[in-house]
Amino acid sequence: MVFDDGPRPTLVLNPPDDDAFRSLAEGLVQDGAQRPELLQAALRGTYSHALVRPRELAGEQAHVWYVYRDGHWIRPAR
């Protein structure tokens, strides 16, 4: 799933209220993490349990990646 000149993926981040996590994930994509496994590897430098999974719905054209800071869904702190 490479998006050289196409639209970047939509990141669905968990937890959604961790601004540092959001900034890092979005920055890594901006800087060239063009596949889920590349983003996951880069995030694990700071968040050792980070997990990135592409959403794979039949016929969907958009690229959506679920990005879990702790490796699984957790409740937002706020």
PDB file of N, CA and C in Angstrom:
ATOM      1  N   MET A   1       0.849  -1.173   0.000  1.00  0.00           N
ATOM      2  CA  MET A   1       0.000   0.000   0.000  1.00  0.00           C
ATOM      3  C   MET A   1       0.895   1.237   0.000  1.00  0.00           C
ATOM      4  N   VAL A   2       1.306   1.660  -1.159  1.00  0.00           N
ATOM      5  CA  VAL A   2       2.166   2.826  -1.314  1.00  0.00           C
ATOM      6  C   VAL A   2       1.357   3.944  -1.934  1.00  0.00           C
ATOM      7  N   PHE A   3       1.541   5.150  -1.463  1.00  0.00           N
ATOM      8  CA  PHE A   3       0.744   6.293  -1.925  1.00  0.00           C
ATOM      9  C   PHE A   3       1.646   7.426  -2.381  1.00  0.00           C
ATOM     10  N   ASP A   4       2.637   7.107  -3.227  1.00  0.00           N
ATOM     11  CA  ASP A   4       3.646   8.081  -3.644  1.00  0.00           C
ATOM     12  C   ASP A   4       3.109   9.492  -3.810  1.00  0.00           C
ATOM     13  N   ASP A   5       2.277   9.724  -4.803  1.00  0.00           N
ATOM     14  CA  ASP A   5       1.740  11.066  -5.028  1.00  0.00           C
ATOM     15  C   ASP A   5       0.252  11.140  -4.738  1.00  0.00           C
ATOM     16  N   GLY A   6      -0.321  10.047  -4.301  1.00  0.00           N
ATOM     17  CA  GLY A   6      -1.746  10.018  -4.003  1.00  0.00           C
ATOM     18  C   GLY A   6      -2.022  10.524  -2.602  1.00  0.00           C
ATOM     19  N   PRO A   7      -3.263  10.407  -2.197  1.00  0.00           N
ATOM     20  CA  PRO A   7      -3.626  10.881  -0.856  1.00  0.00           C
ATOM     21  C   PRO A   7      -2.977  10.029   0.231  1.00  0.00           C
ATOM     22  N   ARG A   8      -2.603  10.672   1.277  1.00  0.00           N
ATOM     23  CA  ARG A   8      -2.028   9.973   2.426  1.00  0.00           C
ATOM     24  C   ARG A   8      -3.153   9.232   3.152  1.00  0.00           C
ATOM     25  N   PRO A   9      -2.793   8.213   3.929  1.00  0.00           N
ATOM     26  CA  PRO A   9      -3.845   7.477   4.638  1.00  0.00           C
ATOM     27  C   PRO A   9      -4.472   8.329   5.736  1.00  0.00           C
ATOM     28  N   THR A  10      -5.698   8.012   6.037  1.00  0.00           N
ATOM     29  CA  THR A  10      -6.364   8.581   7.201  1.00  0.00           C
ATOM     30  C   THR A  10      -5.955   7.722   8.387  1.00  0.00           C
ATOM     31  N   LEU A  11      -5.427   8.352   9.416  1.00  0.00           N
ATOM     32  CA  LEU A  11      -5.020   7.621  10.609  1.00  0.00           C
ATOM     33  C   LEU A  11      -6.129   7.695  11.649  1.00  0.00           C
ATOM     34  N   VAL A  12      -6.552   6.534  12.119  1.00  0.00           N
ATOM     35  CA  VAL A  12      -7.503   6.448  13.223  1.00  0.00           C
ATOM     36  C   VAL A  12      -6.669   6.056  14.429  1.00  0.00           C
ATOM     37  N   LEU A  13      -6.413   7.041  15.281  1.00  0.00           N
ATOM     38  CA  LEU A  13      -5.464   6.858  16.386  1.00  0.00           C
ATOM     39  C   LEU A  13      -6.161   6.491  17.684  1.00  0.00           C
ATOM     40  N   ASN A  14      -5.514   5.598  18.426  1.00  0.00           N
ATOM     41  CA  ASN A  14      -6.012   5.238  19.733  1.00  0.00           C
ATOM     42  C   ASN A  14      -4.829   5.197  20.695  1.00  0.00           C
ATOM     43  N   PRO A  15      -4.888   5.964  21.774  1.00  0.00           N
ATOM     44  CA  PRO A  15      -6.009   6.808  22.170  1.00  0.00           C
ATOM     45  C   PRO A  15      -6.042   8.100  21.345  1.00  0.00           C
ATOM     46  N   PRO A  16      -7.242   8.591  21.083  1.00  0.00           N
ATOM     47  CA  PRO A  16      -7.384   9.777  20.244  1.00  0.00           C
ATOM     48  C   PRO A  16      -6.965  11.078  20.921  1.00  0.00           C
ATOM     49  N   ASP A  17      -6.794  11.040  22.235  1.00  0.00           N
ATOM     50  CA  ASP A  17      -6.504  12.271  22.968  1.00  0.00           C
ATOM     51  C   ASP A  17      -5.035  12.403  23.385  1.00  0.00           C
ATOM     52  N   ASP A  18      -4.160  11.580  22.824  1.00  0.00           N
ATOM     53  CA  ASP A  18      -2.730  11.676  23.112  1.00  0.00           C
ATOM     54  C   ASP A  18      -2.092  12.516  22.003  1.00  0.00           C
ATOM     55  N   ASP A  19      -1.927  13.795  22.272  1.00  0.00           N
ATOM     56  CA  ASP A  19      -1.427  14.724  21.254  1.00  0.00           C
ATOM     57  C   ASP A  19      -0.004  14.413  20.806  1.00  0.00           C
ATOM     58  N   ALA A  20       0.843  13.953  21.717  1.00  0.00           N
ATOM     59  CA  ALA A  20       2.221  13.611  21.351  1.00  0.00           C
ATOM     60  C   ALA A  20       2.234  12.413  20.404  1.00  0.00           C
ATOM     61  N   PHE A  21       1.405  11.424  20.691  1.00  0.00           N
ATOM     62  CA  PHE A  21       1.295  10.242  19.838  1.00  0.00           C
ATOM     63  C   PHE A  21       0.776  10.626  18.455  1.00  0.00           C
ATOM     64  N   ARG A  22      -0.246  11.457  18.427  1.00  0.00           N
ATOM     65  CA  ARG A  22      -0.815  11.925  17.161  1.00  0.00           C
ATOM     66  C   ARG A  22       0.239  12.667  16.333  1.00  0.00           C
ATOM     67  N   SER A  23       0.938  13.573  16.952  1.00  0.00           N
ATOM     68  CA  SER A  23       1.951  14.360  16.232  1.00  0.00           C
ATOM     69  C   SER A  23       3.046  13.470  15.668  1.00  0.00           C
ATOM     70  N   LEU A  24       3.488  12.506  16.468  1.00  0.00           N
ATOM     71  CA  LEU A  24       4.541  11.609  16.000  1.00  0.00           C
ATOM     72  C   LEU A  24       4.048  10.770  14.827  1.00  0.00           C
ATOM     73  N   ALA A  25       2.892  10.155  14.947  1.00  0.00           N
ATOM     74  CA  ALA A  25       2.365   9.297  13.882  1.00  0.00           C
ATOM     75  C   ALA A  25       2.149  10.090  12.596  1.00  0.00           C
ATOM     76  N   GLU A  26       1.527  11.248  12.701  1.00  0.00           N
ATOM     77  CA  GLU A  26       1.284  12.064  11.514  1.00  0.00           C
ATOM     78  C   GLU A  26       2.595  12.548  10.899  1.00  0.00           C
ATOM     79  N   GLY A  27       3.550  12.902  11.719  1.00  0.00           N
ATOM     80  CA  GLY A  27       4.847  13.346  11.222  1.00  0.00           C
ATOM     81  C   GLY A  27       5.599  12.237  10.506  1.00  0.00           C
ATOM     82  N   LEU A  28       5.518  11.029  11.024  1.00  0.00           N
ATOM     83  CA  LEU A  28       6.196   9.899  10.387  1.00  0.00           C
ATOM     84  C   LEU A  28       5.598   9.596   9.017  1.00  0.00           C
ATOM     85  N   VAL A  29       4.288   9.689   8.911  1.00  0.00           N
ATOM     86  CA  VAL A  29       3.643   9.480   7.610  1.00  0.00           C
ATOM     87  C   VAL A  29       4.066  10.591   6.654  1.00  0.00           C
ATOM     88  N   GLN A  30       4.061  11.802   7.142  1.00  0.00           N
ATOM     89  CA  GLN A  30       4.480  12.951   6.324  1.00  0.00           C
ATOM     90  C   GLN A  30       5.922  12.787   5.827  1.00  0.00           C
ATOM     91  N   ASP A  31       6.761  12.193   6.675  1.00  0.00           N
ATOM     92  CA  ASP A  31       8.181  12.022   6.347  1.00  0.00           C
ATOM     93  C   ASP A  31       8.477  10.757   5.539  1.00  0.00           C
ATOM     94  N   GLY A  32       7.447   9.985   5.207  1.00  0.00           N
ATOM     95  CA  GLY A  32       7.688   8.875   4.297  1.00  0.00           C
ATOM     96  C   GLY A  32       7.324   7.480   4.754  1.00  0.00           C
ATOM     97  N   ALA A  33       6.716   7.302   5.899  1.00  0.00           N
ATOM     98  CA  ALA A  33       6.270   5.964   6.313  1.00  0.00           C
ATOM     99  C   ALA A  33       5.049   5.612   5.460  1.00  0.00           C
ATOM    100  N   GLN A  34       5.315   5.018   4.301  1.00  0.00           N
ATOM    101  CA  GLN A  34       4.274   4.823   3.291  1.00  0.00           C
ATOM    102  C   GLN A  34       3.560   3.485   3.361  1.00  0.00           C
ATOM    103  N   ARG A  35       3.944   2.648   4.317  1.00  0.00           N
ATOM    104  CA  ARG A  35       3.259   1.371   4.500  1.00  0.00           C
ATOM    105  C   ARG A  35       3.012   1.184   5.993  1.00  0.00           C
ATOM    106  N   PRO A  36       1.937   0.485   6.341  1.00  0.00           N
ATOM    107  CA  PRO A  36       1.623   0.308   7.767  1.00  0.00           C
ATOM    108  C   PRO A  36       2.786  -0.267   8.569  1.00  0.00           C
ATOM    109  N   GLU A  37       3.507  -1.234   8.003  1.00  0.00           N
ATOM    110  CA  GLU A  37       4.597  -1.848   8.755  1.00  0.00           C
ATOM    111  C   GLU A  37       5.755  -0.878   8.977  1.00  0.00           C
ATOM    112  N   LEU A  38       5.952   0.058   8.058  1.00  0.00           N
ATOM    113  CA  LEU A  38       6.995   1.072   8.249  1.00  0.00           C
ATOM    114  C   LEU A  38       6.608   2.046   9.356  1.00  0.00           C
ATOM    115  N   LEU A  39       5.349   2.449   9.370  1.00  0.00           N
ATOM    116  CA  LEU A  39       4.880   3.341  10.440  1.00  0.00           C
ATOM    117  C   LEU A  39       4.980   2.633  11.781  1.00  0.00           C
ATOM    118  N   GLN A  40       4.568   1.385  11.833  1.00  0.00           N
ATOM    119  CA  GLN A  40       4.626   0.634  13.091  1.00  0.00           C
ATOM    120  C   GLN A  40       6.060   0.535  13.606  1.00  0.00           C
ATOM    121  N   ALA A  41       6.988   0.189  12.739  1.00  0.00           N
ATOM    122  CA  ALA A  41       8.390   0.070  13.151  1.00  0.00           C
ATOM    123  C   ALA A  41       8.928   1.402  13.665  1.00  0.00           C
ATOM    124  N   ALA A  42       8.583   2.485  12.994  1.00  0.00           N
ATOM    125  CA  ALA A  42       9.061   3.803  13.420  1.00  0.00           C
ATOM    126  C   ALA A  42       8.445   4.212  14.756  1.00  0.00           C
ATOM    127  N   LEU A  43       7.163   3.936  14.942  1.00  0.00           N
ATOM    128  CA  LEU A  43       6.501   4.287  16.201  1.00  0.00           C
ATOM    129  C   LEU A  43       7.077   3.502  17.373  1.00  0.00           C
ATOM    130  N   ARG A  44       7.502   2.292  17.119  1.00  0.00           N
ATOM    131  CA  ARG A  44       8.003   1.445  18.206  1.00  0.00           C
ATOM    132  C   ARG A  44       9.312   1.946  18.797  1.00  0.00           C
ATOM    133  N   GLY A  45       9.957   2.893  18.136  1.00  0.00           N
ATOM    134  CA  GLY A  45      11.121   3.522  18.732  1.00  0.00           C
ATOM    135  C   GLY A  45      10.753   4.302  19.984  1.00  0.00           C
ATOM    136  N   THR A  46       9.518   4.771  20.056  1.00  0.00           N
ATOM    137  CA  THR A  46       9.026   5.534  21.208  1.00  0.00           C
ATOM    138  C   THR A  46       7.959   4.772  21.984  1.00  0.00           C
ATOM    139  N   TYR A  47       7.091   4.089  21.259  1.00  0.00           N
ATOM    140  CA  TYR A  47       5.965   3.344  21.856  1.00  0.00           C
ATOM    141  C   TYR A  47       6.156   1.869  21.513  1.00  0.00           C
ATOM    142  N   SER A  48       6.762   1.123  22.405  1.00  0.00           N
ATOM    143  CA  SER A  48       7.207  -0.244  22.107  1.00  0.00           C
ATOM    144  C   SER A  48       6.091  -1.215  21.725  1.00  0.00           C
ATOM    145  N   HIS A  49       4.855  -0.906  22.088  1.00  0.00           N
ATOM    146  CA  HIS A  49       3.742  -1.801  21.777  1.00  0.00           C
ATOM    147  C   HIS A  49       2.874  -1.294  20.628  1.00  0.00           C
ATOM    148  N   ALA A  50       3.296  -0.244  19.958  1.00  0.00           N
ATOM    149  CA  ALA A  50       2.479   0.341  18.880  1.00  0.00           C
ATOM    150  C   ALA A  50       2.125  -0.713  17.838  1.00  0.00           C
ATOM    151  N   LEU A  51       0.899  -0.598  17.318  1.00  0.00           N
ATOM    152  CA  LEU A  51       0.401  -1.527  16.316  1.00  0.00           C
ATOM    153  C   LEU A  51      -0.321  -0.727  15.243  1.00  0.00           C
ATOM    154  N   VAL A  52      -0.049  -1.022  13.978  1.00  0.00           N
ATOM    155  CA  VAL A  52      -0.688  -0.332  12.858  1.00  0.00           C
ATOM    156  C   VAL A  52      -1.317  -1.384  11.957  1.00  0.00           C
ATOM    157  N   ARG A  53      -2.608  -1.236  11.694  1.00  0.00           N
ATOM    158  CA  ARG A  53      -3.331  -2.174  10.840  1.00  0.00           C
ATOM    159  C   ARG A  53      -4.133  -1.401   9.798  1.00  0.00           C
ATOM    160  N   PRO A  54      -3.980  -1.778   8.533  1.00  0.00           N
ATOM    161  CA  PRO A  54      -4.803  -1.129   7.507  1.00  0.00           C
ATOM    162  C   PRO A  54      -6.239  -1.646   7.591  1.00  0.00           C
ATOM    163  N   ARG A  55      -7.193  -0.763   7.314  1.00  0.00           N
ATOM    164  CA  ARG A  55      -8.582  -1.202   7.211  1.00  0.00           C
ATOM    165  C   ARG A  55      -8.743  -1.776   5.816  1.00  0.00           C
ATOM    166  N   GLU A  56      -9.270  -2.961   5.731  1.00  0.00           N
ATOM    167  CA  GLU A  56      -9.387  -3.645   4.448  1.00  0.00           C
ATOM    168  C   GLU A  56     -10.843  -4.001   4.182  1.00  0.00           C
ATOM    169  N   LEU A  57     -11.587  -3.023   3.671  1.00  0.00           N
ATOM    170  CA  LEU A  57     -12.981  -3.243   3.321  1.00  0.00           C
ATOM    171  C   LEU A  57     -13.083  -3.426   1.813  1.00  0.00           C
ATOM    172  N   ALA A  58     -13.823  -4.414   1.395  1.00  0.00           N
ATOM    173  CA  ALA A  58     -13.971  -4.704  -0.036  1.00  0.00           C
ATOM    174  C   ALA A  58     -14.491  -3.480  -0.773  1.00  0.00           C
ATOM    175  N   GLY A  59     -13.789  -3.104  -1.821  1.00  0.00           N
ATOM    176  CA  GLY A  59     -14.224  -2.008  -2.673  1.00  0.00           C
ATOM    177  C   GLY A  59     -13.890  -0.616  -2.150  1.00  0.00           C
ATOM    178  N   GLU A  60     -13.351  -0.503  -0.961  1.00  0.00           N
ATOM    179  CA  GLU A  60     -13.035   0.821  -0.413  1.00  0.00           C
ATOM    180  C   GLU A  60     -11.793   1.382  -1.098  1.00  0.00           C
ATOM    181  N   GLN A  61     -11.882   2.609  -1.560  1.00  0.00           N
ATOM    182  CA  GLN A  61     -10.775   3.261  -2.246  1.00  0.00           C
ATOM    183  C   GLN A  61      -9.866   4.032  -1.286  1.00  0.00           C
ATOM    184  N   ALA A  62     -10.403   4.486  -0.190  1.00  0.00           N
ATOM    185  CA  ALA A  62      -9.630   5.272   0.776  1.00  0.00           C
ATOM    186  C   ALA A  62      -8.651   4.370   1.528  1.00  0.00           C
ATOM    187  N   HIS A  63      -7.537   4.952   1.942  1.00  0.00           N
ATOM    188  CA  HIS A  63      -6.566   4.240   2.775  1.00  0.00           C
ATOM    189  C   HIS A  63      -6.768   4.698   4.212  1.00  0.00           C
ATOM    190  N   VAL A  64      -7.174   3.775   5.064  1.00  0.00           N
ATOM    191  CA  VAL A  64      -7.397   4.068   6.477  1.00  0.00           C
ATOM    192  C   VAL A  64      -6.561   3.090   7.287  1.00  0.00           C
ATOM    193  N   TRP A  65      -5.756   3.640   8.197  1.00  0.00           N
ATOM    194  CA  TRP A  65      -4.932   2.808   9.062  1.00  0.00           C
ATOM    195  C   TRP A  65      -5.356   3.026  10.506  1.00  0.00           C
ATOM    196  N   TYR A  66      -5.549   1.937  11.226  1.00  0.00           N
ATOM    197  CA  TYR A  66      -5.802   1.990  12.664  1.00  0.00           C
ATOM    198  C   TYR A  66      -4.445   1.940  13.352  1.00  0.00           C
ATOM    199  N   VAL A  67      -4.192   2.903  14.220  1.00  0.00           N
ATOM    200  CA  VAL A  67      -2.896   3.035  14.872  1.00  0.00           C
ATOM    201  C   VAL A  67      -3.123   3.021  16.387  1.00  0.00           C
ATOM    202  N   TYR A  68      -2.673   1.948  17.020  1.00  0.00           N
ATOM    203  CA  TYR A  68      -2.875   1.745  18.456  1.00  0.00           C
ATOM    204  C   TYR A  68      -1.569   1.976  19.205  1.00  0.00           C
ATOM    205  N   ARG A  69      -1.541   2.941  20.075  1.00  0.00           N
ATOM    206  CA  ARG A  69      -0.338   3.257  20.844  1.00  0.00           C
ATOM    207  C   ARG A  69       0.092   2.080  21.717  1.00  0.00           C
ATOM    208  N   ASP A  70      -0.868   1.417  22.360  1.00  0.00           N
ATOM    209  CA  ASP A  70      -0.574   0.359  23.319  1.00  0.00           C
ATOM    210  C   ASP A  70      -0.801  -1.044  22.757  1.00  0.00           C
ATOM    211  N   GLY A  71      -0.952  -1.156  21.442  1.00  0.00           N
ATOM    212  CA  GLY A  71      -1.137  -2.456  20.815  1.00  0.00           C
ATOM    213  C   GLY A  71      -2.560  -2.954  20.792  1.00  0.00           C
ATOM    214  N   HIS A  72      -3.455  -2.198  21.404  1.00  0.00           N
ATOM    215  CA  HIS A  72      -4.878  -2.554  21.452  1.00  0.00           C
ATOM    216  C   HIS A  72      -5.670  -1.301  21.798  1.00  0.00           C
ATOM    217  N   TRP A  73      -6.983  -1.382  21.633  1.00  0.00           N
ATOM    218  CA  TRP A  73      -7.846  -0.239  21.932  1.00  0.00           C
ATOM    219  C   TRP A  73      -7.867   0.020  23.435  1.00  0.00           C
ATOM    220  N   ILE A  74      -7.772   1.296  23.804  1.00  0.00           N
ATOM    221  CA  ILE A  74      -7.930   1.701  25.205  1.00  0.00           C
ATOM    222  C   ILE A  74      -8.866   2.908  25.247  1.00  0.00           C
ATOM    223  N   ARG A  75      -9.461   3.103  26.388  1.00  0.00           N
ATOM    224  CA  ARG A  75     -10.362   4.231  26.610  1.00  0.00           C
ATOM    225  C   ARG A  75      -9.568   5.541  26.630  1.00  0.00           C
ATOM    226  N   PRO A  76     -10.100   6.593  25.995  1.00  0.00           N
ATOM    227  CA  PRO A  76      -9.434   7.904  26.072  1.00  0.00           C
ATOM    228  C   PRO A  76      -9.365   8.375  27.535  1.00  0.00           C
ATOM    229  N   ALA A  77      -8.326   9.128  27.856  1.00  0.00           N
ATOM    230  CA  ALA A  77      -8.161   9.634  29.231  1.00  0.00           C
ATOM    231  C   ALA A  77      -9.139  10.751  29.545  1.00  0.00           C
ATOM    232  N   ARG A  78      -9.500  11.541  28.529  1.00  0.00           N
ATOM    233  CA  ARG A  78     -10.379  12.696  28.785  1.00  0.00           C
ATOM    234  C   ARG A  78     -11.827  12.321  28.804  1.00  0.00           C
TER     235      ARG A  78
END
